[in-house]
N, C-alpha and C. Protein backbone atom coordinates (compact mmCIF):
# COMPACT_ATOMS: atom_id res chain seq x y z
N UNK A 1 161.25 200.61 -10.01
CA UNK A 1 162.81 200.37 -10.31
C UNK A 1 162.42 199.07 -11.35
N UNK A 2 163.22 199.09 -12.27
CA UNK A 2 163.33 197.82 -13.30
C UNK A 2 163.93 196.58 -12.32
N UNK A 3 163.21 195.50 -12.88
CA UNK A 3 163.86 194.35 -12.22
C UNK A 3 165.41 194.19 -12.90
N UNK A 4 166.34 193.59 -11.99
CA UNK A 4 167.54 193.32 -12.55
C UNK A 4 167.53 191.90 -12.85
N UNK A 5 168.18 191.46 -14.42
CA UNK A 5 168.20 190.16 -14.53
C UNK A 5 168.91 189.33 -13.59
N UNK A 6 168.32 187.95 -13.31
CA UNK A 6 168.64 187.05 -12.49
C UNK A 6 170.07 186.79 -12.74
N UNK A 7 170.88 186.76 -11.55
CA UNK A 7 172.42 186.15 -11.98
C UNK A 7 172.58 184.66 -12.12
N UNK A 8 173.25 184.74 -12.98
CA UNK A 8 173.44 183.30 -13.73
C UNK A 8 174.69 182.34 -12.51
N UNK A 9 173.92 181.05 -12.27
CA UNK A 9 174.81 180.10 -11.49
C UNK A 9 176.03 179.80 -12.17
N UNK A 10 177.53 180.12 -11.86
CA UNK A 10 178.53 180.03 -12.63
C UNK A 10 178.82 178.66 -12.86
N UNK A 11 178.07 177.48 -12.36
CA UNK A 11 178.40 176.17 -12.46
C UNK A 11 177.80 175.94 -13.92
N UNK A 12 176.76 176.64 -14.13
CA UNK A 12 175.67 176.65 -15.39
C UNK A 12 176.63 177.12 -16.68
N UNK A 13 177.91 177.72 -16.38
CA UNK A 13 178.45 178.14 -17.78
C UNK A 13 178.99 177.16 -18.48
N UNK A 14 179.12 177.39 -19.56
CA UNK A 14 179.73 176.19 -20.52
C UNK A 14 181.19 176.21 -20.33
N UNK A 15 181.58 174.70 -20.31
CA UNK A 15 182.96 174.48 -20.40
C UNK A 15 183.60 174.76 -21.67
N UNK A 16 184.99 174.84 -21.55
CA UNK A 16 185.55 174.93 -23.05
C UNK A 16 186.47 173.67 -23.20
N UNK A 17 186.90 173.53 -24.43
CA UNK A 17 187.72 172.35 -24.59
C UNK A 17 188.95 172.09 -23.74
N UNK A 18 189.41 173.29 -23.44
CA UNK A 18 190.73 173.42 -22.36
C UNK A 18 190.21 172.94 -21.17
N UNK A 19 189.14 173.58 -20.60
CA UNK A 19 188.84 172.95 -19.15
C UNK A 19 188.41 171.52 -19.20
N UNK A 20 187.91 171.10 -20.44
CA UNK A 20 188.01 169.28 -20.46
C UNK A 20 188.99 168.69 -20.25
N UNK A 21 190.20 169.36 -20.96
CA UNK A 21 191.55 168.60 -21.12
C UNK A 21 191.92 168.71 -19.80
N UNK A 22 191.73 169.77 -19.03
CA UNK A 22 192.48 169.89 -17.94
C UNK A 22 192.14 169.14 -16.76
N UNK A 23 190.55 168.68 -16.86
CA UNK A 23 190.10 167.79 -16.17
C UNK A 23 190.52 166.53 -16.37
N UNK A 24 190.48 166.06 -17.62
CA UNK A 24 191.26 164.60 -17.99
C UNK A 24 192.33 164.49 -17.67
N UNK A 25 193.36 165.49 -17.42
CA UNK A 25 194.85 165.02 -17.02
C UNK A 25 194.79 164.96 -15.55
N UNK A 26 193.72 165.55 -14.76
CA UNK A 26 193.61 165.33 -13.26
C UNK A 26 193.19 163.47 -13.26
N UNK A 27 192.52 163.18 -14.31
CA UNK A 27 192.22 161.54 -14.26
C UNK A 27 192.80 160.99 -14.48
N UNK A 28 194.04 161.21 -15.42
CA UNK A 28 195.24 160.54 -15.87
C UNK A 28 196.18 160.70 -14.95
N UNK A 29 196.45 161.72 -14.28
CA UNK A 29 197.28 161.41 -12.78
C UNK A 29 196.73 160.58 -11.72
N UNK A 30 195.44 160.76 -11.47
CA UNK A 30 194.92 159.99 -10.47
C UNK A 30 195.06 158.27 -10.87
N UNK A 31 195.12 157.98 -11.97
CA UNK A 31 195.27 156.60 -12.33
C UNK A 31 196.59 156.36 -12.44
N UNK A 32 197.64 157.25 -12.69
CA UNK A 32 199.12 156.82 -12.51
C UNK A 32 199.26 156.58 -11.01
N UNK A 33 198.43 157.38 -10.06
CA UNK A 33 198.98 156.89 -8.95
C UNK A 33 197.89 156.02 -8.33
N UNK A 34 197.42 155.08 -8.78
CA UNK A 34 196.51 153.98 -8.44
C UNK A 34 194.97 154.10 -7.86
N UNK A 35 194.52 155.52 -8.13
CA UNK A 35 193.43 155.88 -7.44
C UNK A 35 192.04 155.43 -8.33
N UNK A 36 192.50 155.35 -9.51
CA UNK A 36 191.42 155.10 -10.35
C UNK A 36 192.05 153.74 -11.35
N UNK A 37 191.45 152.68 -11.50
CA UNK A 37 191.59 151.66 -12.36
C UNK A 37 191.23 151.90 -13.99
N UNK A 38 191.65 150.94 -14.74
CA UNK A 38 191.19 151.65 -16.45
C UNK A 38 189.89 151.85 -16.69
N UNK A 39 189.08 151.05 -16.05
CA UNK A 39 187.44 150.93 -16.49
C UNK A 39 187.10 152.36 -15.93
N UNK A 40 187.48 152.72 -14.80
CA UNK A 40 186.78 153.81 -14.18
C UNK A 40 187.47 155.13 -15.02
N UNK A 41 188.65 154.87 -15.25
CA UNK A 41 189.15 156.22 -16.20
C UNK A 41 188.47 156.54 -17.56
N UNK A 42 188.06 155.36 -17.99
CA UNK A 42 187.38 155.23 -19.39
C UNK A 42 186.35 155.66 -19.27
N UNK A 43 185.60 155.29 -18.10
CA UNK A 43 183.95 155.96 -17.94
C UNK A 43 184.20 157.36 -17.47
N UNK A 44 184.86 157.86 -17.13
CA UNK A 44 184.91 159.36 -16.44
C UNK A 44 185.47 160.04 -17.55
N UNK A 45 186.39 159.79 -18.43
CA UNK A 45 186.85 160.32 -19.57
C UNK A 45 185.69 160.59 -20.48
N UNK A 46 184.83 159.62 -20.64
CA UNK A 46 183.71 159.64 -21.48
C UNK A 46 182.93 160.78 -21.10
N UNK A 47 182.68 160.78 -19.60
CA UNK A 47 181.89 161.81 -19.14
C UNK A 47 182.34 163.31 -19.29
N UNK A 48 183.66 163.23 -19.00
CA UNK A 48 184.47 164.78 -19.22
C UNK A 48 184.28 165.09 -20.81
N UNK A 49 184.42 164.33 -21.50
CA UNK A 49 184.38 165.20 -22.88
C UNK A 49 182.90 165.05 -23.54
N UNK A 50 181.96 164.56 -22.66
CA UNK A 50 180.60 164.65 -23.14
C UNK A 50 180.22 166.06 -22.26
N UNK A 51 180.69 166.52 -21.35
CA UNK A 51 180.35 167.51 -20.53
C UNK A 51 180.10 168.73 -20.99
N UNK A 52 178.67 169.66 -20.75
CA UNK A 52 178.80 170.90 -21.40
C UNK A 52 178.93 171.78 -20.56
N UNK A 53 178.52 171.87 -19.27
CA UNK A 53 178.93 172.92 -18.45
C UNK A 53 179.91 172.53 -17.18
N UNK A 54 180.11 173.41 -16.29
CA UNK A 54 181.11 173.14 -15.00
C UNK A 54 180.40 172.17 -14.28
N UNK A 55 179.12 172.33 -14.18
CA UNK A 55 178.43 171.54 -13.34
C UNK A 55 178.51 170.00 -13.51
N UNK A 56 178.71 169.98 -15.03
CA UNK A 56 179.20 168.43 -15.25
C UNK A 56 180.31 167.96 -15.20
N UNK A 57 181.29 168.77 -15.09
CA UNK A 57 182.58 168.50 -14.76
C UNK A 57 182.80 168.22 -13.32
N UNK A 58 182.16 168.72 -12.31
CA UNK A 58 182.20 168.49 -11.02
C UNK A 58 182.20 167.37 -10.41
N UNK A 59 181.26 166.64 -10.58
CA UNK A 59 181.33 165.41 -10.22
C UNK A 59 182.33 164.24 -10.32
N UNK A 60 183.04 164.70 -11.70
CA UNK A 60 183.95 163.59 -12.05
C UNK A 60 185.12 163.51 -11.19
N UNK A 61 185.53 164.40 -10.38
CA UNK A 61 186.65 164.78 -9.93
C UNK A 61 186.45 165.01 -8.36
N UNK A 62 184.96 164.66 -8.08
CA UNK A 62 184.77 164.87 -6.56
C UNK A 62 185.29 164.17 -5.42
N UNK A 63 185.58 162.97 -5.62
CA UNK A 63 186.42 161.96 -4.82
C UNK A 63 187.46 161.85 -4.97
N UNK A 64 188.37 162.69 -5.69
CA UNK A 64 189.85 162.68 -6.00
C UNK A 64 190.13 163.85 -5.09
N UNK A 65 191.86 163.75 -4.69
CA UNK A 65 192.53 164.50 -3.60
C UNK A 65 191.91 165.96 -3.72
N UNK A 66 191.38 166.32 -2.43
CA UNK A 66 191.00 167.89 -2.38
C UNK A 66 191.37 168.27 -0.84
N UNK A 67 190.87 169.53 -0.33
CA UNK A 67 191.28 170.05 0.95
C UNK A 67 190.82 168.90 2.20
N UNK A 68 189.83 168.18 1.82
CA UNK A 68 189.29 167.52 3.02
C UNK A 68 189.98 166.03 2.98
N UNK A 69 190.56 165.64 2.17
CA UNK A 69 191.12 164.29 2.08
C UNK A 69 192.17 164.38 2.78
N UNK A 70 192.63 162.84 3.18
CA UNK A 70 193.72 162.45 4.09
C UNK A 70 194.83 161.92 3.19
N UNK A 71 195.99 162.81 3.31
CA UNK A 71 197.35 162.46 2.23
C UNK A 71 197.65 161.04 2.84
N UNK A 72 197.87 160.21 1.99
CA UNK A 72 197.99 158.97 2.19
C UNK A 72 199.60 158.30 2.00
N UNK A 73 200.19 158.45 0.81
CA UNK A 73 201.34 157.52 0.44
C UNK A 73 202.65 158.62 0.58
N UNK A 74 203.84 158.05 0.76
CA UNK A 74 205.12 158.59 0.84
C UNK A 74 205.78 158.47 -0.61
N UNK A 75 206.58 159.83 -0.90
CA UNK A 75 206.95 159.87 -2.05
C UNK A 75 208.67 159.51 -2.21
N UNK A 76 208.71 158.80 -3.33
CA UNK A 76 210.16 158.52 -3.61
C UNK A 76 210.82 157.68 -2.04
N UNK A 77 210.26 156.99 -1.81
CA UNK A 77 210.31 156.16 -0.49
C UNK A 77 210.79 157.00 0.85
N UNK A 78 210.45 158.23 1.01
CA UNK A 78 211.01 159.05 2.01
C UNK A 78 210.01 158.82 3.02
N UNK A 79 210.35 158.51 4.13
CA UNK A 79 209.14 158.51 5.45
C UNK A 79 208.81 159.81 6.03
N UNK A 80 207.60 160.25 6.38
CA UNK A 80 207.55 161.37 6.94
C UNK A 80 208.18 161.12 8.75
N UNK A 81 208.66 162.43 9.01
CA UNK A 81 209.00 162.90 10.24
C UNK A 81 207.83 162.73 11.33
N UNK A 82 208.02 162.58 12.50
CA UNK A 82 207.11 162.73 13.62
C UNK A 82 206.44 164.13 13.58
N UNK A 83 205.17 164.10 13.30
CA UNK A 83 204.51 165.29 13.24
C UNK A 83 204.24 165.93 11.98
N UNK A 84 204.94 165.25 10.87
CA UNK A 84 205.07 166.00 9.39
C UNK A 84 204.03 164.97 8.53
N UNK A 85 203.26 165.62 7.79
CA UNK A 85 202.18 165.02 7.15
C UNK A 85 202.83 164.72 5.50
N UNK A 86 202.49 163.59 5.02
CA UNK A 86 203.09 163.20 3.67
C UNK A 86 202.02 163.72 2.98
N UNK A 87 202.17 163.86 1.45
CA UNK A 87 201.17 164.51 0.70
C UNK A 87 201.32 163.80 -0.79
N UNK A 88 200.13 163.95 -1.47
CA UNK A 88 200.53 163.53 -2.76
C UNK A 88 200.76 164.44 -3.87
N UNK A 89 201.31 164.21 -4.98
CA UNK A 89 201.93 165.08 -5.87
C UNK A 89 200.62 166.23 -6.37
N UNK A 90 199.49 166.11 -6.16
CA UNK A 90 198.72 167.00 -6.95
C UNK A 90 197.58 167.35 -5.81
N UNK A 91 196.80 168.61 -6.17
CA UNK A 91 195.77 169.14 -5.28
C UNK A 91 194.95 169.75 -6.06
N UNK A 92 193.68 169.53 -5.99
CA UNK A 92 192.44 169.76 -6.90
C UNK A 92 191.31 170.52 -6.35
N UNK A 93 191.02 171.84 -6.83
CA UNK A 93 189.91 172.48 -6.26
C UNK A 93 188.93 172.84 -7.40
N UNK A 94 187.70 172.05 -7.55
CA UNK A 94 186.97 172.38 -8.37
C UNK A 94 185.48 172.46 -7.50
N UNK A 95 185.23 174.05 -7.63
CA UNK A 95 184.21 174.81 -6.68
C UNK A 95 184.24 174.41 -5.17
N UNK A 96 185.68 174.13 -4.87
CA UNK A 96 185.85 173.89 -3.61
C UNK A 96 187.47 174.59 -3.35
N UNK A 97 188.13 174.10 -2.28
CA UNK A 97 189.47 174.46 -1.89
C UNK A 97 190.40 173.41 -1.52
N UNK A 98 191.77 174.11 -1.37
CA UNK A 98 192.83 172.97 -0.78
C UNK A 98 193.72 173.82 -0.08
N UNK A 99 194.49 173.25 0.99
CA UNK A 99 195.31 173.88 1.80
C UNK A 99 196.44 173.06 1.80
N UNK A 100 197.65 173.39 1.68
CA UNK A 100 198.72 172.48 2.12
C UNK A 100 199.59 173.57 3.08
N UNK A 101 199.85 173.05 4.14
CA UNK A 101 200.68 174.13 5.29
C UNK A 101 200.99 173.35 6.24
N UNK A 102 202.01 173.88 7.13
CA UNK A 102 202.55 173.39 8.10
C UNK A 102 203.71 172.35 8.10
N UNK A 103 204.12 171.44 8.70
CA UNK A 103 204.97 170.48 8.34
C UNK A 103 204.55 169.46 7.48
N UNK A 104 204.88 169.41 6.23
CA UNK A 104 204.48 168.65 5.35
C UNK A 104 205.72 168.18 4.42
N UNK A 105 205.34 166.93 3.70
CA UNK A 105 206.41 166.36 2.99
C UNK A 105 206.13 166.93 1.58
N UNK A 106 206.93 167.64 0.56
CA UNK A 106 206.82 168.12 -0.37
C UNK A 106 207.45 167.29 -1.70
N UNK A 107 206.73 166.57 -2.33
CA UNK A 107 207.62 165.92 -3.31
C UNK A 107 208.56 166.97 -4.51
N UNK A 108 209.23 166.23 -5.28
CA UNK A 108 210.21 167.20 -6.18
C UNK A 108 208.99 168.07 -7.11
N UNK A 109 207.91 167.64 -7.45
CA UNK A 109 207.09 168.30 -8.35
C UNK A 109 205.56 168.15 -7.72
N UNK A 110 205.19 169.35 -7.75
CA UNK A 110 203.87 169.46 -6.75
C UNK A 110 202.82 170.33 -7.80
N UNK A 111 201.92 169.60 -8.58
CA UNK A 111 200.78 170.22 -9.39
C UNK A 111 199.67 170.67 -8.76
N UNK A 112 199.07 171.71 -8.89
CA UNK A 112 197.71 172.22 -8.32
C UNK A 112 197.11 172.84 -9.19
N UNK A 113 195.59 172.48 -9.51
CA UNK A 113 194.63 172.83 -10.39
C UNK A 113 193.44 173.39 -9.53
N UNK A 114 192.97 174.64 -9.98
CA UNK A 114 191.91 175.17 -9.38
C UNK A 114 190.84 175.79 -10.69
N UNK A 115 189.63 175.34 -10.29
CA UNK A 115 188.68 175.69 -11.17
C UNK A 115 187.33 175.94 -10.44
N UNK A 116 187.18 177.55 -10.53
CA UNK A 116 186.20 178.25 -9.75
C UNK A 116 186.48 177.89 -8.14
N UNK A 117 187.49 177.68 -7.80
CA UNK A 117 187.80 177.47 -6.30
C UNK A 117 189.07 178.40 -6.07
N UNK A 118 189.78 177.80 -5.04
CA UNK A 118 191.01 178.58 -4.55
C UNK A 118 192.06 177.34 -3.94
N UNK A 119 193.14 177.80 -3.72
CA UNK A 119 194.19 176.93 -2.80
C UNK A 119 195.27 177.82 -2.28
N UNK A 120 195.66 177.03 -1.09
CA UNK A 120 196.95 177.87 -0.60
C UNK A 120 198.19 176.91 -0.36
N UNK A 121 199.19 176.88 -1.06
CA UNK A 121 200.35 176.28 -0.99
C UNK A 121 201.57 177.03 -0.08
N UNK A 122 201.67 176.59 1.29
CA UNK A 122 202.79 177.32 2.24
C UNK A 122 203.84 176.41 2.19
N UNK A 123 205.05 176.67 2.04
CA UNK A 123 206.14 176.14 2.11
C UNK A 123 207.23 176.49 3.09
N UNK A 124 206.76 177.19 4.03
CA UNK A 124 207.78 177.67 4.92
C UNK A 124 207.81 176.68 6.35
N UNK A 125 207.13 175.74 6.48
CA UNK A 125 207.62 174.60 7.33
C UNK A 125 207.63 173.24 6.41
N UNK A 126 207.77 173.28 5.44
CA UNK A 126 207.63 171.99 4.42
C UNK A 126 209.39 171.38 4.44
N UNK A 127 209.12 170.08 4.21
CA UNK A 127 210.58 169.51 3.90
C UNK A 127 210.61 169.32 2.53
N UNK A 128 211.55 169.89 1.93
CA UNK A 128 211.51 169.70 0.52
C UNK A 128 212.84 168.88 -0.15
N UNK A 129 212.32 167.91 -0.60
CA UNK A 129 213.18 166.74 -1.12
C UNK A 129 214.38 167.22 -2.15
N UNK A 130 215.29 166.83 -1.98
CA UNK A 130 216.66 167.03 -2.91
C UNK A 130 216.97 168.57 -2.98
N UNK A 131 216.31 169.32 -1.76
CA UNK A 131 216.68 170.64 -1.61
C UNK A 131 216.16 171.62 -2.74
N UNK A 132 215.35 171.02 -3.45
CA UNK A 132 214.68 172.10 -4.42
C UNK A 132 213.10 171.18 -4.75
N UNK A 133 212.28 172.17 -5.29
CA UNK A 133 210.99 171.92 -5.82
C UNK A 133 210.33 172.47 -6.96
N UNK A 134 209.35 171.79 -7.65
CA UNK A 134 208.76 172.59 -8.75
C UNK A 134 207.20 172.66 -8.27
N UNK A 135 206.85 173.98 -8.36
CA UNK A 135 205.25 174.02 -7.83
C UNK A 135 204.75 174.27 -9.33
N UNK A 136 203.87 173.52 -9.70
CA UNK A 136 202.95 173.66 -10.96
C UNK A 136 201.32 174.13 -10.69
N UNK A 137 201.33 175.48 -10.91
CA UNK A 137 199.96 176.26 -10.28
C UNK A 137 199.16 176.55 -11.33
N UNK A 138 197.85 176.01 -11.83
CA UNK A 138 196.90 176.37 -12.79
C UNK A 138 195.69 176.97 -11.99
N UNK A 139 195.19 178.09 -12.42
CA UNK A 139 194.08 178.63 -11.76
C UNK A 139 193.19 179.18 -13.12
N UNK A 140 192.11 178.52 -13.08
CA UNK A 140 190.95 178.98 -14.13
C UNK A 140 189.65 179.34 -13.47
N UNK A 141 189.50 180.77 -13.66
CA UNK A 141 188.48 181.24 -12.88
C UNK A 141 188.42 180.96 -11.54
N UNK A 142 189.71 181.07 -10.76
CA UNK A 142 189.84 180.62 -9.43
C UNK A 142 191.46 181.23 -9.16
N UNK A 143 191.84 180.73 -8.17
CA UNK A 143 193.02 181.62 -7.49
C UNK A 143 194.01 180.39 -6.86
N UNK A 144 195.27 180.37 -6.72
CA UNK A 144 196.45 179.81 -6.12
C UNK A 144 197.20 180.73 -5.30
N UNK A 145 197.39 180.53 -3.93
CA UNK A 145 198.58 181.51 -3.29
C UNK A 145 199.73 180.55 -3.03
N UNK A 146 200.75 180.90 -3.39
CA UNK A 146 201.93 180.26 -3.10
C UNK A 146 203.02 180.86 -1.86
N UNK A 147 203.14 180.52 -0.87
CA UNK A 147 204.01 181.34 0.21
C UNK A 147 205.26 180.51 0.18
N UNK A 148 206.40 181.19 0.02
CA UNK A 148 207.55 180.74 0.05
C UNK A 148 208.48 181.12 1.14
N UNK A 149 209.37 180.56 1.84
CA UNK A 149 210.23 181.20 2.92
C UNK A 149 211.02 182.43 2.25
N UNK A 150 211.34 183.41 2.84
CA UNK A 150 211.69 184.52 2.59
C UNK A 150 213.22 184.52 2.07
N UNK A 151 213.95 183.42 2.56
CA UNK A 151 215.62 183.20 2.71
C UNK A 151 215.75 182.15 1.31
N UNK A 152 214.68 181.75 0.56
CA UNK A 152 214.53 180.71 -0.32
C UNK A 152 215.12 181.27 -1.65
N UNK A 153 215.73 180.38 -2.80
CA UNK A 153 215.98 180.97 -4.11
C UNK A 153 214.82 180.46 -4.84
N UNK A 154 214.29 181.69 -5.33
CA UNK A 154 212.74 181.67 -5.89
C UNK A 154 213.01 181.83 -7.48
N UNK A 155 212.31 181.16 -8.11
CA UNK A 155 211.93 181.48 -9.95
C UNK A 155 210.76 181.31 -9.92
N UNK A 156 210.01 182.30 -10.93
CA UNK A 156 208.65 182.39 -11.06
C UNK A 156 208.59 182.52 -12.66
N UNK A 157 208.21 181.56 -13.22
CA UNK A 157 207.94 181.59 -14.61
C UNK A 157 206.79 181.39 -15.44
N UNK A 158 205.59 181.22 -14.45
CA UNK A 158 204.30 181.31 -14.98
C UNK A 158 203.77 182.50 -15.79
N UNK A 159 202.58 182.36 -16.39
CA UNK A 159 202.03 183.62 -16.96
C UNK A 159 200.50 183.42 -16.90
N UNK A 160 200.02 184.88 -16.91
CA UNK A 160 198.46 185.05 -17.02
C UNK A 160 198.03 185.49 -18.22
N UNK A 161 196.63 184.68 -18.31
CA UNK A 161 195.88 185.35 -19.43
C UNK A 161 194.92 185.99 -19.09
N UNK A 162 194.31 187.02 -19.03
CA UNK A 162 193.12 187.62 -18.53
C UNK A 162 193.22 187.39 -17.35
N UNK A 163 194.39 187.20 -16.84
CA UNK A 163 194.53 187.11 -15.22
C UNK A 163 195.67 187.45 -14.57
N UNK A 164 196.25 187.12 -13.79
CA UNK A 164 197.76 187.57 -12.93
C UNK A 164 198.28 186.41 -12.53
N UNK A 165 199.82 186.61 -12.66
CA UNK A 165 200.66 185.50 -12.31
C UNK A 165 201.76 186.27 -11.51
N UNK A 166 201.89 186.09 -10.12
CA UNK A 166 203.08 187.21 -9.49
C UNK A 166 204.28 186.77 -9.65
N UNK A 167 205.01 187.84 -9.94
CA UNK A 167 206.46 187.41 -10.30
C UNK A 167 207.26 188.07 -9.27
N UNK A 168 207.03 189.02 -8.33
CA UNK A 168 207.77 189.85 -7.46
C UNK A 168 208.50 189.05 -6.54
N UNK A 169 208.21 187.62 -6.34
CA UNK A 169 208.94 186.95 -5.35
C UNK A 169 210.12 186.59 -5.98
N UNK A 170 210.31 186.40 -7.34
CA UNK A 170 211.53 186.03 -7.97
C UNK A 170 212.72 186.50 -7.20
N UNK A 171 213.94 185.83 -7.03
CA UNK A 171 215.15 186.43 -6.52
C UNK A 171 215.96 185.30 -6.06
N UNK A 172 217.12 185.71 -5.74
CA UNK A 172 218.29 184.73 -5.03
C UNK A 172 217.79 184.58 -3.37
N UNK A 173 218.39 183.58 -2.97
CA UNK A 173 218.36 183.27 -1.57
C UNK A 173 219.63 183.27 -0.91
N UNK A 174 219.69 182.80 0.48
CA UNK A 174 220.83 182.34 1.10
C UNK A 174 221.52 181.16 0.86
N UNK A 175 222.63 180.98 0.92
CA UNK A 175 223.47 179.94 0.52
C UNK A 175 223.01 178.87 1.36
N UNK A 176 222.53 177.64 0.58
CA UNK A 176 222.03 176.62 1.07
C UNK A 176 220.66 176.56 1.21
N UNK A 177 219.74 177.46 0.99
CA UNK A 177 218.51 177.60 1.23
C UNK A 177 217.60 176.82 -0.01
N UNK A 178 216.51 176.14 -0.04
CA UNK A 178 215.89 175.68 -0.96
C UNK A 178 215.90 176.50 -2.48
N UNK A 179 215.76 175.75 -3.34
CA UNK A 179 215.61 176.27 -4.59
C UNK A 179 214.09 175.98 -5.18
N UNK A 180 213.19 177.13 -5.25
CA UNK A 180 211.72 176.56 -5.64
C UNK A 180 211.55 177.38 -6.83
N UNK A 181 210.89 176.61 -7.85
CA UNK A 181 210.39 177.04 -8.98
C UNK A 181 208.85 176.99 -9.00
N UNK A 182 208.20 178.32 -9.63
CA UNK A 182 206.99 178.18 -9.65
C UNK A 182 206.41 178.66 -10.97
N UNK A 183 205.62 177.57 -11.68
CA UNK A 183 205.29 177.54 -13.09
C UNK A 183 203.88 177.77 -13.07
N UNK A 184 203.20 177.63 -14.36
CA UNK A 184 202.04 177.41 -14.77
C UNK A 184 201.13 178.53 -15.48
N UNK A 185 199.93 178.86 -15.16
CA UNK A 185 199.43 179.95 -15.73
C UNK A 185 197.86 180.28 -15.21
N UNK A 186 197.59 181.59 -15.25
CA UNK A 186 195.98 181.67 -14.75
C UNK A 186 195.31 182.36 -15.99
N UNK A 187 194.10 181.72 -15.98
CA UNK A 187 193.13 182.30 -16.88
C UNK A 187 191.70 182.71 -16.23
N UNK A 188 191.71 184.27 -16.45
CA UNK A 188 190.53 184.72 -15.88
C UNK A 188 190.69 184.33 -14.20
N UNK A 189 191.94 184.57 -13.55
CA UNK A 189 191.93 184.02 -12.31
C UNK A 189 193.59 184.65 -11.77
N UNK A 190 194.15 184.09 -10.82
CA UNK A 190 195.18 184.56 -10.23
C UNK A 190 196.11 183.56 -9.68
N UNK A 191 197.53 183.58 -9.63
CA UNK A 191 198.14 182.91 -8.79
C UNK A 191 199.11 183.72 -8.33
N UNK A 192 199.02 183.96 -7.08
CA UNK A 192 200.02 184.88 -6.21
C UNK A 192 201.06 183.95 -5.48
N UNK A 193 202.47 184.72 -5.66
CA UNK A 193 203.67 184.05 -5.09
C UNK A 193 204.21 185.14 -4.22
N UNK A 194 204.52 184.72 -2.95
CA UNK A 194 204.90 185.91 -2.06
C UNK A 194 205.82 185.26 -1.01
N UNK A 195 206.80 186.23 -0.59
CA UNK A 195 207.60 185.61 0.35
C UNK A 195 207.08 186.03 1.71
N UNK A 196 207.53 185.01 2.67
CA UNK A 196 207.22 185.31 4.05
C UNK A 196 208.33 184.95 5.31
N UNK A 197 208.50 185.13 6.35
CA UNK A 197 209.27 184.55 7.30
C UNK A 197 208.74 183.50 7.85
N UNK A 198 209.76 182.77 7.90
CA UNK A 198 209.34 181.20 8.51
C UNK A 198 208.71 181.34 9.78
N UNK A 199 207.68 180.79 10.13
CA UNK A 199 207.19 180.50 11.60
C UNK A 199 207.81 179.77 12.44
N UNK A 200 208.72 178.77 11.74
CA UNK A 200 209.62 177.93 12.77
C UNK A 200 210.73 177.33 11.68
N UNK A 201 211.52 176.74 12.06
CA UNK A 201 212.76 176.28 11.16
C UNK A 201 212.00 175.13 10.24
N UNK A 202 212.05 175.38 8.77
CA UNK A 202 211.60 174.54 7.98
C UNK A 202 212.36 173.28 7.96
N UNK A 203 211.88 171.84 7.53
CA UNK A 203 212.38 170.73 7.62
C UNK A 203 213.20 170.14 6.25
N UNK A 204 213.73 171.16 5.61
CA UNK A 204 214.57 170.83 4.36
C UNK A 204 215.45 169.61 4.80
N UNK A 205 215.56 168.77 3.46
CA UNK A 205 216.49 167.82 3.71
C UNK A 205 217.86 168.13 3.80
N UNK A 206 218.64 167.66 4.91
CA UNK A 206 219.99 167.66 4.90
C UNK A 206 220.43 168.74 5.58
N UNK A 207 219.55 169.44 6.52
CA UNK A 207 219.67 170.55 7.20
C UNK A 207 219.49 170.28 8.58
N UNK A 208 220.23 170.90 9.23
CA UNK A 208 220.08 170.78 10.86
C UNK A 208 219.27 171.69 11.34
N UNK A 209 219.02 171.66 12.62
CA UNK A 209 218.06 172.74 13.14
C UNK A 209 218.61 174.11 13.20
N UNK A 210 217.70 175.12 13.14
CA UNK A 210 218.70 176.50 13.05
C UNK A 210 218.73 176.96 14.53
N UNK A 211 219.65 177.53 14.64
CA UNK A 211 219.75 178.25 16.04
C UNK A 211 219.02 179.37 16.40
């Protein structure tokens, strides 16, 4: 039997200009949130634009928020409730994963990026500020799964290119339910959006406990 060719490590694949721009945007967001100073951003941006492979890009964002990081700040001055987890406005998975689920405080705009990784954004128990939220999901050779409450008003406007972006969850919700917009794109990857029954009463702002 002939020897099969050795499978190439995906980390050694060549990065595109679009890949470098997406990582650069992650750095700019980190700077805006105070995670990096100007010198650090400049140094890392030089590394991004000099990167040839995905392996070169990985260490540039290794210490920025991912699944294992502890969310710290409060958004828009809104304090977390007891047992509720505050979150940053971004989640990044580069050769890794992230998860946002359970009682957590969602900002008005939440952006996720997955490169050769995966993530889950579960809004069933989340408190949605101002009664609405926009989820921006970008998946490049990776995947993001967005779970929305079955009674929410949902608008999916994302698109897939050589990938998939689930549209089936779009539709109206019950009166007073949160409004959720899911946008972004998937390239050689997928973004799934699905409705599921709440595990327990979600903590939307301005609504009392469910009977």
